[in-house]
Amino acid sequence: MTRFSSYIVAAALSLAGAAHAGALDQFKTFVASTKAAKGEFTQQQIKTSDSAKAVPVSTGTFVFARPGKFIWTYVKPYEQLLQADGEQLYIYDKDLNQVTIKKLGNALGSSPAAILFGSNDLEKNFTLTEAASRNGLEWLEAKPKAADSTFQMISIGLRNGTPEAMELHDAFGQTSVLAFKKFEKNPPLSASQFKFVMPKGADVFNN
C-alpha cells in the first residue's frame, strides 16, 4: 500500500436542529441518518517532529454506501483508487498498474474507514468522547478499543450535523489531516457502482 492510502484503511462523512448539538449527538444522528454520501476531500500528512514539515496536499473524491461500500479516489498529486464492494477492498495504483486485494473485514477493523463507511455499531470498536470546539467546528474523539490498532486517536470535526474534518493520529508520531467539501447526503447510487473493474494488464496481489 502506498502514499496516503494506509491512513484511510489501516486504512473516507445537514441535519435540522443539529446546529447547537454537541459533537457526539451530531455524529450519532449523522451516522443513523446517512446511508450514502459523496463529496470531495483534501488530505495532508504532518509529521509531529521538531520540524513539523508538511508533505504536499492530496485531493480527490469519495462516495460511500453503508455498510462497507465506498470509492475513495486520489486525483492529485498521484492517481490512486481505494474501492470496496462490501466484501473486498481493492487498492489500485495507476502509476504501477498494480491492484492489491484485501478482505474488507480485516482491512477496516478499528480504522477511520470503519467510522466513515462501516456499520452503525461504532461503539463496538471505538470509545467516543466530546472534545473542545475549535476552528468553528464541534469535535469528537474516537479511540480504538483494539490494542493493535494503527491509530492512537481519530478526531472528527462537525458543523451543523455534517463532518467537515478528520485528524488521524497514528502510533508513529504522524497526523493525517482531512477536510471534506461539497458533501452530498444520501445521493441516488446504482447497485453496480461499487463493482470493481480490473484494469487491463494489472499486476494483482491478494493479501
Protein backbone atom coordinates (compact mmCIF):
# COMPACT_ATOMS: atom_id res chain seq x y z
CA MET A 1 0.00 0.00 0.00
CA THR A 2 1.47 3.39 -0.98
CA ARG A 3 1.33 7.07 -0.16
CA PHE A 4 -1.60 8.19 1.97
CA SER A 5 -3.85 5.15 1.44
CA SER A 6 -2.81 3.42 4.66
CA TYR A 7 -4.16 6.39 6.60
CA ILE A 8 -7.59 5.67 5.29
CA VAL A 9 -7.54 1.88 5.53
CA ALA A 10 -5.30 0.91 8.49
CA ALA A 11 -6.84 2.45 6.32
CA ALA A 12 -13.05 8.26 3.68
CA LEU A 13 -18.79 11.82 6.10
CA SER A 14 -27.33 18.82 7.49
CA LEU A 15 -29.48 17.79 9.93
CA ALA A 16 -32.42 20.01 11.08
CA GLY A 17 -31.99 21.12 14.65
CA ALA A 18 -28.42 19.84 14.91
CA ALA A 19 -26.64 23.19 14.73
CA HIS A 20 -26.34 23.60 18.50
CA ALA A 21 -25.97 19.93 19.42
CA GLY A 22 -22.73 18.54 20.81
CA ALA A 23 -20.35 16.68 18.54
CA LEU A 24 -21.32 13.25 19.87
CA ASP A 25 -25.05 13.80 19.33
CA GLN A 26 -24.42 15.34 15.91
CA PHE A 27 -22.28 12.42 14.81
CA LYS A 28 -24.61 9.69 16.08
CA THR A 29 -27.53 11.36 14.29
CA PHE A 30 -25.44 11.74 11.15
CA VAL A 31 -24.44 8.06 11.12
CA ALA A 32 -28.01 6.88 11.75
CA SER A 33 -29.50 9.06 9.02
CA THR A 34 -26.78 8.86 6.35
CA LYS A 35 -26.90 5.66 4.34
CA ALA A 36 -24.82 7.08 1.49
CA ALA A 37 -22.86 10.21 0.63
CA LYS A 38 -20.41 11.71 -1.82
CA GLY A 39 -18.13 14.69 -1.98
CA GLU A 40 -14.56 15.92 -2.29
CA PHE A 41 -11.61 15.83 0.10
CA THR A 42 -8.15 17.21 0.72
CA GLN A 43 -5.58 15.28 2.74
CA GLN A 44 -2.25 16.25 4.22
CA GLN A 45 0.14 14.24 6.34
CA ILE A 46 2.07 16.15 9.01
CA LYS A 47 5.00 14.78 10.98
CA THR A 48 4.76 15.91 14.58
CA SER A 49 8.53 16.21 14.93
CA ASP A 50 10.53 19.34 15.70
CA SER A 51 10.45 20.37 12.05
CA ALA A 52 6.72 19.63 11.68
CA LYS A 53 7.32 19.58 7.94
CA ALA A 54 4.17 19.06 5.91
CA VAL A 55 4.04 16.97 2.75
CA PRO A 56 2.11 18.05 -0.37
CA VAL A 57 -1.67 18.11 -0.16
CA SER A 58 -3.60 15.32 -1.87
CA THR A 59 -7.03 15.92 -3.36
CA GLY A 60 -9.76 13.64 -4.59
CA THR A 61 -13.35 12.46 -4.38
CA PHE A 62 -15.30 9.96 -2.32
CA VAL A 63 -18.61 8.12 -2.46
CA PHE A 64 -19.92 5.58 0.04
CA ALA A 65 -22.93 3.45 0.83
CA ARG A 66 -23.24 1.74 4.20
CA PRO A 67 -22.17 -0.79 5.13
CA GLY A 68 -18.73 -1.23 3.65
CA LYS A 69 -19.14 0.09 0.12
CA PHE A 70 -17.02 3.02 -0.96
CA ILE A 71 -14.88 4.55 -3.68
CA TRP A 72 -12.07 6.79 -2.43
CA THR A 73 -10.20 8.35 -5.36
CA TYR A 74 -6.93 10.28 -5.14
CA VAL A 75 -6.60 12.64 -8.11
CA LYS A 76 -3.60 14.83 -7.22
CA PRO A 77 -0.65 14.67 -6.89
CA TYR A 78 -0.85 10.93 -7.65
CA GLU A 79 -3.74 8.88 -9.02
CA GLN A 80 -4.79 6.07 -6.71
CA LEU A 81 -8.07 4.29 -6.03
CA LEU A 82 -9.44 2.54 -2.95
CA GLN A 83 -12.69 0.73 -3.70
CA ALA A 84 -14.77 -1.64 -1.60
CA ASP A 85 -17.79 -3.67 -2.70
CA GLY A 86 -18.94 -4.73 0.77
CA GLU A 87 -16.77 -7.86 0.80
CA GLN A 88 -13.37 -6.96 -0.63
CA LEU A 89 -11.15 -3.89 -0.75
CA TYR A 90 -9.26 -3.08 -3.96
CA ILE A 91 -6.28 -0.71 -3.90
CA TYR A 92 -5.24 0.38 -7.37
CA ASP A 93 -2.03 2.29 -8.05
CA LYS A 94 -2.33 3.66 -11.57
CA ASP A 95 1.37 4.50 -11.98
CA LEU A 96 2.39 0.92 -11.20
CA ASN A 97 -0.74 -0.62 -12.76
CA GLN A 98 -0.96 -2.71 -9.60
CA VAL A 99 -4.02 -3.92 -7.67
CA THR A 100 -3.90 -5.17 -4.08
CA ILE A 101 -6.96 -7.08 -2.84
CA LYS A 102 -7.86 -7.44 0.85
CA LYS A 103 -10.78 -8.95 2.74
CA LEU A 104 -12.86 -5.96 3.75
CA GLY A 105 -13.44 -7.04 7.35
CA ASN A 106 -9.72 -7.31 8.03
CA ALA A 107 -8.96 -4.08 6.19
CA LEU A 108 -11.48 -1.98 8.10
CA GLY A 109 -11.49 -3.04 11.75
CA SER A 110 -10.80 -0.08 14.03
CA SER A 111 -9.77 2.19 11.17
CA PRO A 112 -11.06 5.58 10.01
CA ALA A 113 -12.80 3.79 7.16
CA ALA A 114 -14.89 1.87 9.70
CA ILE A 115 -16.17 5.17 11.07
CA LEU A 116 -16.99 6.65 7.69
CA PHE A 117 -18.15 3.62 5.71
CA GLY A 118 -18.85 0.80 8.15
CA SER A 119 -21.87 -0.21 10.17
CA ASN A 120 -23.67 1.95 12.72
CA ASP A 121 -22.21 -0.01 15.66
CA LEU A 122 -19.34 2.45 16.21
CA GLU A 123 -19.03 1.98 19.95
CA LYS A 124 -18.17 -1.68 19.45
CA ASN A 125 -14.71 -0.70 18.16
CA PHE A 126 -14.29 2.87 19.42
CA THR A 127 -14.61 4.85 22.64
CA LEU A 128 -16.31 8.13 21.66
CA THR A 129 -15.92 11.33 23.70
CA GLU A 130 -16.59 15.05 23.26
CA ALA A 131 -13.64 17.39 22.69
CA ALA A 132 -13.24 21.17 22.79
CA SER A 133 -14.65 23.31 19.98
CA ARG A 134 -12.11 24.86 17.59
CA ASN A 135 -11.94 26.38 14.12
CA GLY A 136 -15.71 26.80 14.16
CA LEU A 137 -16.29 23.04 14.49
CA GLU A 138 -17.55 20.76 17.26
CA TRP A 139 -15.02 17.97 17.78
CA LEU A 140 -15.42 14.31 18.66
CA GLU A 141 -12.58 11.97 19.66
CA ALA A 142 -12.69 8.27 18.73
CA LYS A 143 -10.14 5.99 20.39
CA PRO A 144 -9.88 2.42 19.04
CA LYS A 145 -10.53 -0.28 21.63
CA ALA A 146 -8.25 -2.75 19.83
CA ALA A 147 -4.74 -2.72 21.28
CA ASP A 148 -3.14 -3.39 17.88
CA SER A 149 -4.80 -0.51 16.04
CA THR A 150 -2.53 1.64 13.87
CA PHE A 151 -4.21 4.76 15.22
CA GLN A 152 -4.00 6.18 18.72
CA MET A 153 -6.88 8.56 18.16
CA ILE A 154 -9.16 9.88 15.44
CA SER A 155 -10.67 13.36 15.79
CA ILE A 156 -13.78 14.34 13.84
CA GLY A 157 -14.89 17.96 13.39
CA LEU A 158 -18.58 18.62 12.68
CA ARG A 159 -20.63 21.66 11.70
CA ASN A 160 -24.43 21.63 11.50
CA GLY A 161 -24.54 17.84 11.72
CA THR A 162 -22.03 17.12 8.95
CA PRO A 163 -18.38 16.03 9.32
CA GLU A 164 -16.08 18.63 7.77
CA ALA A 165 -12.69 17.44 9.03
CA MET A 166 -10.80 14.44 10.39
CA GLU A 167 -7.42 14.21 12.13
CA LEU A 168 -5.80 10.77 12.24
CA HIS A 169 -3.13 10.44 14.94
CA ASP A 170 -1.03 7.30 14.43
CA ALA A 171 1.43 5.42 16.63
CA PHE A 172 4.43 6.80 14.71
CA GLY A 173 4.01 10.44 15.67
CA GLN A 174 2.30 11.49 12.45
CA THR A 175 -1.02 13.21 11.90
CA SER A 176 -3.03 12.98 8.70
CA VAL A 177 -5.47 15.88 8.30
CA LEU A 178 -8.52 15.61 6.02
CA ALA A 179 -11.09 18.21 5.04
CA PHE A 180 -14.37 17.45 3.29
CA LYS A 181 -16.37 19.71 0.99
CA LYS A 182 -19.27 19.56 -1.47
CA PHE A 183 -20.77 16.94 0.82
CA GLU A 184 -23.99 15.44 -0.56
CA LYS A 185 -26.01 13.25 1.76
CA ASN A 186 -27.96 10.20 0.52
CA PRO A 187 -27.49 10.75 -3.24
CA PRO A 188 -29.01 8.22 -5.66
CA LEU A 189 -26.48 5.45 -6.31
CA SER A 190 -26.69 2.41 -8.57
CA ALA A 191 -26.23 -1.10 -7.17
CA SER A 192 -23.40 -1.78 -9.64
CA GLN A 193 -21.48 1.42 -8.92
CA PHE A 194 -19.16 -0.23 -6.38
CA LYS A 195 -18.24 -3.25 -8.53
CA PHE A 196 -14.52 -3.07 -9.22
CA VAL A 197 -13.42 -3.43 -12.84
CA MET A 198 -9.91 -4.86 -13.09
CA PRO A 199 -7.61 -2.65 -15.20
CA LYS A 200 -6.19 -4.34 -18.27
CA GLY A 201 -2.80 -5.92 -17.67
CA ALA A 202 -2.66 -5.01 -13.97
CA ASP A 203 -0.48 -6.97 -11.56
CA VAL A 204 -2.71 -8.42 -8.82
CA PHE A 205 -1.70 -9.17 -5.23
CA ASN A 206 -4.02 -10.88 -2.71
CA ASN A 207 -3.45 -10.12 0.98
